[in-house]
Amino acid sequence: MALKASQKKAVAAVLLAVVALSLQGCGPEGDKLWSQFSEHADKALGQAGDWANAASEHAGKALEVAKKKAGELQEAAATQAAEATKKAQEAMEAAKKEGGKKYEEAKKKFAEAKAAAGPLMEAAKKKAEELKAQAATFAEDLKKKAAEAKKLVEESGVLEQAKKAAGDAFASAKKHADEAVDAAKKHAANLKEAAEKAVKDAAGEDAIAAAKKKYDEVVAAGSKAVDAAKEAAAPHLETAKKALEAAKVKAAEALDKAKKAAEAAKQMATDGGAPEEKFMLIPDDDKIDASAKSNMAGVPFYAGVASLSVVSLAGVSIAMRKAAANRRTESRIMSMDQDPFCDESASAEE
């Protein structure tokens, strides 16, 4: 029995390995991956807008479904009342031939059935009106949520454009600053080169000393010109940088509000019966690639487990065959020992 248990464990290990391989990429992490907004603002805004549109669309459909159900409810009540009245009338007509007490009872039941039809229809009508009113309220609230989400998406889009403009302004200011500094450096380098040449071409101690002095002055002036270009550009760069940072913060806050509003509209819609498929989001390509690499990383491990389990199963099978052979040999020896009058030649023939 112990060997059989070992065999079962080996088989279970192989099956677990196969199941583990098939489940790679599923579960909470997989669900999370396929429900996140994009990390790219433009795409995330598009996704939030899609959710808002889907929620608004469901609001209209939910109201139509409710109206249809209300109509079906009233039709069912009318059919039920008509059938009850018809049965009572048929029973009364059948009892009419017999007359007497049985006929009177049938007439009474027929009258009761006719009287019950009115309240039944009235109750169905009331229930239908309640159903339509609830659906109308739900649809109105959902449309408001969807409209709010759309508005926030639009506002966020405007702020994203403002962020882009601020980024362009900062890039332009940096470019102009770099160009001004580069021009100052180039001018300083040209003056320095000319001063170096003047030092080399100078003849006599006085001329050389004057040329060197001029060279030092040129180098100092060039350095000052470069510093002056940097200082002149710094305020513009700082202003553009601050404007960009402020635009980023506003855009991020607006995007967060738009996402939350879209999520709220989605939640209300799905709670109200909208299919989850309408709100599926395809993740960014880089997330899909990262998820695929992560899933593939587990394949060698599970393949190794499966291989080890197969080897273990083979070992167990060999051990089982050997044990069975040993038991057969022992049984033959035991039977010969237990029967001292056994003919050896007969045993050999068997």
Protein backbone atom coordinates (compact mmCIF):
# COMPACT_ATOMS: atom_id res chain seq x y z
CA MET A 1 0.00 0.00 0.00
CA ALA A 2 2.91 2.34 0.77
CA LEU A 3 4.20 1.89 -2.77
CA LYS A 4 0.79 2.74 -4.20
CA ALA A 5 0.71 5.92 -2.13
CA SER A 6 4.14 6.91 -3.46
CA GLN A 7 2.94 6.33 -6.98
CA LYS A 8 -0.08 8.55 -6.42
CA LYS A 9 2.15 11.33 -5.04
CA ALA A 10 4.39 11.15 -8.11
CA VAL A 11 1.40 11.36 -10.46
CA ALA A 12 -0.02 14.27 -8.43
CA ALA A 13 3.31 16.12 -8.71
CA VAL A 14 3.24 15.78 -12.50
CA LEU A 15 -0.36 17.00 -12.70
CA LEU A 16 0.38 19.96 -10.43
CA ALA A 17 3.27 20.95 -12.65
CA VAL A 18 1.05 20.88 -15.76
CA VAL A 19 -1.69 22.91 -14.02
CA ALA A 20 0.85 25.44 -12.77
CA LEU A 21 2.12 25.94 -16.30
CA SER A 22 -1.42 26.46 -17.63
CA LEU A 23 -2.17 29.07 -14.96
CA GLN A 24 0.85 31.27 -15.68
CA GLY A 25 -0.29 34.87 -16.19
CA CYS A 26 -3.70 34.27 -14.57
CA GLY A 27 -4.99 35.17 -11.11
CA PRO A 28 -5.01 38.55 -9.32
CA GLU A 29 -1.90 39.89 -11.07
CA GLY A 30 -3.31 39.02 -14.47
CA ASP A 31 -6.66 40.59 -13.58
CA LYS A 32 -4.90 43.71 -12.31
CA LEU A 33 -2.88 44.01 -15.50
CA TRP A 34 -5.99 43.94 -17.68
CA SER A 35 -7.94 46.49 -15.63
CA GLN A 36 -5.43 49.30 -15.23
CA PHE A 37 -5.57 52.61 -17.06
CA SER A 38 -2.67 53.35 -19.36
CA GLU A 39 0.34 55.09 -17.87
CA HIS A 40 0.30 57.38 -20.90
CA ALA A 41 -1.92 60.36 -20.21
CA ASP A 42 -3.44 60.65 -23.69
CA LYS A 43 -4.32 56.95 -23.84
CA ALA A 44 -5.63 56.97 -20.24
CA LEU A 45 -7.92 59.89 -21.07
CA GLY A 46 -9.22 58.01 -24.08
CA GLN A 47 -9.90 54.96 -21.91
CA ALA A 48 -11.69 57.04 -19.27
CA GLY A 49 -13.79 58.63 -22.00
CA ASP A 50 -14.68 55.19 -23.37
CA TRP A 51 -15.82 54.08 -19.92
CA ALA A 52 -17.97 57.19 -19.56
CA ASN A 53 -19.54 56.56 -22.98
CA ALA A 54 -20.17 52.89 -22.16
CA ALA A 55 -21.83 53.85 -18.86
CA SER A 56 -24.01 56.45 -20.57
CA GLU A 57 -25.00 53.92 -23.23
CA HIS A 58 -25.96 51.37 -20.55
CA ALA A 59 -28.14 53.96 -18.82
CA GLY A 60 -30.34 54.22 -21.91
CA LYS A 61 -30.44 50.46 -22.40
CA ALA A 62 -31.29 49.84 -18.74
CA LEU A 63 -34.30 52.13 -19.03
CA GLU A 64 -35.49 50.34 -22.17
CA VAL A 65 -35.09 46.95 -20.48
CA ALA A 66 -37.06 48.16 -17.46
CA LYS A 67 -39.88 49.43 -19.66
CA LYS A 68 -40.00 46.10 -21.46
CA LYS A 69 -40.12 44.20 -18.16
CA ALA A 70 -42.87 46.48 -16.91
CA GLY A 71 -44.93 45.76 -20.02
CA GLU A 72 -44.33 42.02 -19.67
CA LEU A 73 -45.39 42.20 -16.02
CA GLN A 74 -48.68 43.85 -16.92
CA GLU A 75 -49.28 41.40 -19.77
CA ALA A 76 -48.64 38.46 -17.44
CA ALA A 77 -51.12 39.86 -14.90
CA ALA A 78 -53.76 40.36 -17.60
CA THR A 79 -53.22 36.81 -18.88
CA GLN A 80 -53.44 35.40 -15.34
CA ALA A 81 -56.66 37.30 -14.61
CA ALA A 82 -58.22 36.26 -17.93
CA GLU A 83 -57.33 32.59 -17.39
CA ALA A 84 -58.72 32.62 -13.83
CA THR A 85 -61.95 34.24 -15.01
CA LYS A 86 -62.24 31.83 -17.92
CA LYS A 87 -61.79 28.78 -15.68
CA ALA A 88 -64.37 30.10 -13.20
CA GLN A 89 -66.83 30.75 -16.02
CA GLU A 90 -66.34 27.27 -17.47
CA ALA A 91 -66.86 25.75 -14.02
CA MET A 92 -70.04 27.82 -13.61
CA GLU A 93 -71.40 26.72 -17.01
CA ALA A 94 -70.69 23.09 -16.12
CA ALA A 95 -72.42 23.48 -12.74
CA LYS A 96 -75.40 25.25 -14.31
CA LYS A 97 -76.72 21.95 -15.66
CA GLU A 98 -76.80 20.46 -12.16
CA GLY A 99 -78.18 23.61 -10.57
CA GLY A 100 -78.73 23.89 -6.86
CA LYS A 101 -76.02 24.60 -4.34
CA LYS A 102 -73.16 23.59 -6.63
CA TYR A 103 -74.26 26.10 -9.23
CA GLU A 104 -74.57 28.87 -6.64
CA GLU A 105 -71.02 28.17 -5.43
CA ALA A 106 -69.70 28.24 -9.01
CA LYS A 107 -71.47 31.56 -9.64
CA LYS A 108 -69.90 32.95 -6.48
CA LYS A 109 -66.41 31.84 -7.53
CA PHE A 110 -66.91 33.33 -10.97
CA ALA A 111 -67.90 36.66 -9.41
CA GLU A 112 -64.85 36.49 -7.14
CA ALA A 113 -62.55 35.78 -10.09
CA LYS A 114 -63.95 38.78 -12.00
CA ALA A 115 -63.61 40.96 -8.92
CA ALA A 116 -60.00 39.80 -8.32
CA ALA A 117 -58.97 40.68 -11.88
CA GLY A 118 -59.19 44.41 -11.22
CA PRO A 119 -56.92 44.50 -8.12
CA LEU A 120 -54.50 42.09 -9.80
CA MET A 121 -54.18 44.36 -12.82
CA GLU A 122 -53.91 47.39 -10.57
CA ALA A 123 -51.11 45.77 -8.54
CA ALA A 124 -49.25 44.81 -11.71
CA LYS A 125 -49.63 48.33 -13.05
CA LYS A 126 -48.31 49.79 -9.80
CA LYS A 127 -45.35 47.42 -9.79
CA ALA A 128 -44.62 48.26 -13.41
CA GLU A 129 -44.68 51.99 -12.65
CA GLU A 130 -42.32 51.47 -9.71
CA LEU A 131 -39.98 49.48 -11.90
CA LYS A 132 -39.95 52.16 -14.57
CA ALA A 133 -39.46 54.91 -11.98
CA GLN A 134 -36.52 53.09 -10.40
CA ALA A 135 -34.98 52.49 -13.81
CA ALA A 136 -35.48 56.14 -14.78
CA THR A 137 -33.79 57.30 -11.55
CA PHE A 138 -30.92 54.86 -12.10
CA ALA A 139 -30.52 55.94 -15.72
CA GLU A 140 -30.57 59.62 -14.78
CA ASP A 141 -27.98 59.17 -12.02
CA LEU A 142 -25.77 57.05 -14.25
CA LYS A 143 -25.98 59.57 -17.09
CA LYS A 144 -24.99 62.31 -14.63
CA LYS A 145 -21.98 60.31 -13.51
CA ALA A 146 -21.03 59.60 -17.11
CA ALA A 147 -21.46 63.29 -18.04
CA GLU A 148 -19.33 64.34 -15.07
CA ALA A 149 -16.64 61.87 -16.13
CA LYS A 150 -16.74 63.19 -19.71
CA LYS A 151 -16.45 66.77 -18.49
CA LEU A 152 -13.46 65.89 -16.32
CA VAL A 153 -11.89 64.05 -19.23
CA GLU A 154 -12.29 67.16 -21.39
CA GLU A 155 -10.85 69.39 -18.67
CA SER A 156 -7.99 66.98 -18.19
CA GLY A 157 -7.37 67.02 -21.93
CA VAL A 158 -7.11 70.82 -21.87
CA LEU A 159 -4.63 70.67 -18.98
CA GLU A 160 -2.64 67.99 -20.79
CA GLN A 161 -2.38 70.37 -23.73
CA ALA A 162 -1.29 73.11 -21.32
CA LYS A 163 1.34 70.78 -19.91
CA LYS A 164 2.58 70.02 -23.42
CA ALA A 165 2.74 73.76 -24.22
CA ALA A 166 4.66 74.41 -21.00
CA GLY A 167 7.03 71.59 -21.90
CA ASP A 168 7.56 73.08 -25.36
CA ALA A 169 8.17 76.53 -23.82
CA PHE A 170 10.74 75.10 -21.40
CA ALA A 171 12.46 73.20 -24.22
CA SER A 172 12.54 76.38 -26.33
CA ALA A 173 13.93 78.48 -23.45
CA LYS A 174 16.61 75.87 -22.78
CA LYS A 175 17.51 75.73 -26.45
CA HIS A 176 17.90 79.53 -26.65
CA ALA A 177 19.92 79.56 -23.44
CA ASP A 178 22.22 76.82 -24.70
CA GLU A 179 22.63 78.63 -28.01
CA ALA A 180 23.51 81.90 -26.24
CA VAL A 181 26.05 80.17 -23.99
CA ASP A 182 27.52 78.27 -26.94
CA ALA A 183 27.84 81.50 -28.93
CA ALA A 184 29.62 83.17 -25.99
CA LYS A 185 31.96 80.19 -25.64
CA LYS A 186 32.68 80.17 -29.37
CA HIS A 187 33.42 83.93 -29.36
CA ALA A 188 35.67 83.55 -26.33
CA ALA A 189 37.50 80.65 -28.00
CA ASN A 190 38.08 82.72 -31.15
CA LEU A 191 39.48 85.65 -29.12
CA LYS A 192 41.66 83.27 -27.13
CA GLU A 193 42.98 81.70 -30.32
CA ALA A 194 43.82 85.14 -31.74
CA ALA A 195 45.53 86.15 -28.50
CA GLU A 196 47.59 82.94 -28.49
CA LYS A 197 48.70 83.68 -32.06
CA ALA A 198 49.63 87.23 -31.09
CA VAL A 199 51.83 85.88 -28.25
CA LYS A 200 53.58 83.52 -30.68
CA ASP A 201 54.11 86.24 -33.32
CA ALA A 202 55.32 88.87 -30.83
CA ALA A 203 58.98 89.91 -31.17
CA GLY A 204 60.92 91.38 -28.28
CA GLU A 205 60.31 91.19 -24.54
CA ASP A 206 58.00 94.19 -24.38
CA ALA A 207 55.83 92.92 -27.24
CA ILE A 208 55.67 89.44 -25.75
CA ALA A 209 54.73 90.80 -22.31
CA ALA A 210 52.04 92.99 -23.84
CA ALA A 211 50.69 90.06 -25.88
CA LYS A 212 50.57 87.81 -22.79
CA LYS A 213 48.79 90.51 -20.84
CA LYS A 214 46.29 90.88 -23.64
CA TYR A 215 45.86 87.09 -23.70
CA ASP A 216 45.01 87.02 -19.97
CA GLU A 217 42.52 89.84 -20.43
CA VAL A 218 40.88 88.03 -23.37
CA VAL A 219 40.55 84.77 -21.40
CA ALA A 220 39.02 86.60 -18.43
CA ALA A 221 36.65 88.54 -20.68
CA GLY A 222 35.60 85.34 -22.45
CA SER A 223 34.86 83.63 -19.15
CA LYS A 224 32.81 86.63 -18.01
CA ALA A 225 30.88 86.66 -21.29
CA VAL A 226 29.98 82.97 -20.86
CA ASP A 227 28.91 83.55 -17.24
CA ALA A 228 26.87 86.56 -18.31
CA ALA A 229 25.09 84.47 -20.97
CA LYS A 230 24.24 81.82 -18.36
CA GLU A 231 22.99 84.43 -15.89
CA ALA A 232 20.88 86.11 -18.55
CA ALA A 233 19.24 82.81 -19.50
CA ALA A 234 18.74 81.53 -15.92
CA PRO A 235 15.62 83.59 -15.01
CA HIS A 236 13.83 82.58 -18.23
CA LEU A 237 14.75 78.94 -17.69
CA GLU A 238 13.60 79.02 -14.07
CA THR A 239 10.28 80.65 -15.01
CA ALA A 240 9.67 78.11 -17.77
CA LYS A 241 10.65 75.24 -15.45
CA LYS A 242 8.26 76.37 -12.70
CA ALA A 243 5.46 76.79 -15.24
CA LEU A 244 6.11 73.25 -16.50
CA GLU A 245 6.10 71.76 -12.99
CA ALA A 246 2.85 73.57 -12.13
CA ALA A 247 1.27 72.36 -15.39
CA LYS A 248 2.36 68.78 -14.64
CA VAL A 249 0.78 68.88 -11.18
CA LYS A 250 -2.50 70.31 -12.48
CA ALA A 251 -2.64 67.81 -15.33
CA ALA A 252 -1.91 64.88 -13.00
CA GLU A 253 -4.63 65.98 -10.56
CA ALA A 254 -7.15 66.45 -13.37
CA LEU A 255 -6.29 63.06 -14.87
CA ASP A 256 -6.73 61.40 -11.47
CA LYS A 257 -10.17 63.01 -11.07
CA ALA A 258 -11.17 61.90 -14.57
CA LYS A 259 -10.06 58.33 -13.87
CA LYS A 260 -11.94 58.19 -10.56
CA ALA A 261 -15.08 59.63 -12.15
CA ALA A 262 -14.87 57.06 -14.96
CA GLU A 263 -14.33 54.27 -12.43
CA ALA A 264 -17.39 55.42 -10.46
CA ALA A 265 -19.51 55.45 -13.62
CA LYS A 266 -18.22 52.00 -14.55
CA GLN A 267 -18.96 50.61 -11.08
CA MET A 268 -22.49 51.96 -11.10
CA ALA A 269 -23.08 50.58 -14.59
CA THR A 270 -21.76 47.09 -13.79
CA ASP A 271 -23.72 47.04 -10.52
CA GLY A 272 -26.76 47.84 -12.65
CA GLY A 273 -26.16 44.88 -14.96
CA ALA A 274 -23.72 46.22 -17.56
CA PRO A 275 -21.34 43.49 -18.79
CA GLU A 276 -17.73 43.76 -17.58
CA GLU A 277 -16.54 43.19 -21.16
CA LYS A 278 -17.62 46.72 -22.04
CA PHE A 279 -15.04 48.08 -19.63
CA MET A 280 -12.01 45.93 -20.51
CA LEU A 281 -8.80 47.94 -20.99
CA ILE A 282 -5.93 46.70 -23.11
CA PRO A 283 -2.68 47.45 -21.24
CA ASP A 284 0.31 49.23 -22.70
CA ASP A 285 2.65 47.23 -24.91
CA ASP A 286 5.52 47.51 -22.42
CA LYS A 287 3.32 45.99 -19.68
CA ILE A 288 2.30 43.11 -21.94
CA ASP A 289 5.96 42.44 -22.82
CA ALA A 290 6.98 42.55 -19.14
CA SER A 291 4.15 40.19 -18.18
CA ALA A 292 5.09 37.76 -20.95
CA LYS A 293 8.74 37.72 -19.82
CA SER A 294 7.69 37.18 -16.21
CA ASN A 295 5.45 34.27 -17.20
CA MET A 296 8.13 32.64 -19.33
CA ALA A 297 10.60 32.87 -16.44
CA GLY A 298 8.56 30.28 -14.54
CA VAL A 299 8.51 27.73 -17.38
CA PRO A 300 11.97 26.18 -16.73
CA PHE A 301 11.14 25.68 -13.05
CA TYR A 302 7.82 23.95 -13.71
CA ALA A 303 9.35 21.92 -16.54
CA GLY A 304 12.06 20.80 -14.12
CA VAL A 305 9.45 19.80 -11.55
CA ALA A 306 7.54 17.86 -14.18
CA SER A 307 10.71 16.07 -15.35
CA LEU A 308 11.67 15.19 -11.79
CA SER A 309 8.18 13.86 -11.15
CA VAL A 310 8.30 11.68 -14.25
CA VAL A 311 11.69 10.26 -13.19
CA SER A 312 10.32 9.64 -9.70
CA LEU A 313 7.30 7.87 -11.17
CA ALA A 314 9.56 5.65 -13.29
CA GLY A 315 11.65 4.80 -10.23
CA VAL A 316 8.55 3.89 -8.26
CA SER A 317 7.32 1.64 -11.09
CA ILE A 318 10.67 -0.23 -11.18
CA ALA A 319 10.60 -0.62 -7.40
CA MET A 320 7.06 -1.99 -7.58
CA ARG A 321 8.05 -4.61 -10.18
CA LYS A 322 11.07 -5.71 -8.14
CA ALA A 323 9.02 -5.95 -4.96
CA ALA A 324 6.37 -8.02 -6.75
CA ALA A 325 9.04 -10.39 -8.13
CA ASN A 326 10.58 -10.78 -4.69
CA ARG A 327 7.20 -11.60 -3.17
CA ARG A 328 6.58 -14.34 -5.80
CA THR A 329 9.99 -15.89 -5.15
CA GLU A 330 9.41 -15.83 -1.39
CA SER A 331 5.99 -17.47 -1.79
CA ARG A 332 7.50 -20.35 -3.78
CA ILE A 333 10.16 -20.94 -1.13
CA MET A 334 7.59 -20.76 1.64
CA SER A 335 5.33 -23.31 -0.08
CA MET A 336 8.22 -25.79 -0.49
CA ASP A 337 9.30 -25.37 3.12
CA GLN A 338 5.79 -25.84 4.39
CA ASP A 339 5.25 -29.15 2.42
CA PRO A 340 8.18 -31.53 3.31
CA PHE A 341 6.65 -34.39 1.27
CA CYS A 342 6.73 -32.37 -2.00
CA ASP A 343 8.34 -34.19 -4.90
CA GLU A 344 11.26 -32.06 -6.16
CA SER A 345 10.91 -33.27 -9.74
CA ALA A 346 7.22 -32.37 -9.74
CA SER A 347 8.00 -28.92 -8.40
CA ALA A 348 10.57 -28.38 -11.10
CA GLU A 349 8.07 -29.37 -13.77
CA GLU A 350 5.51 -26.94 -12.36
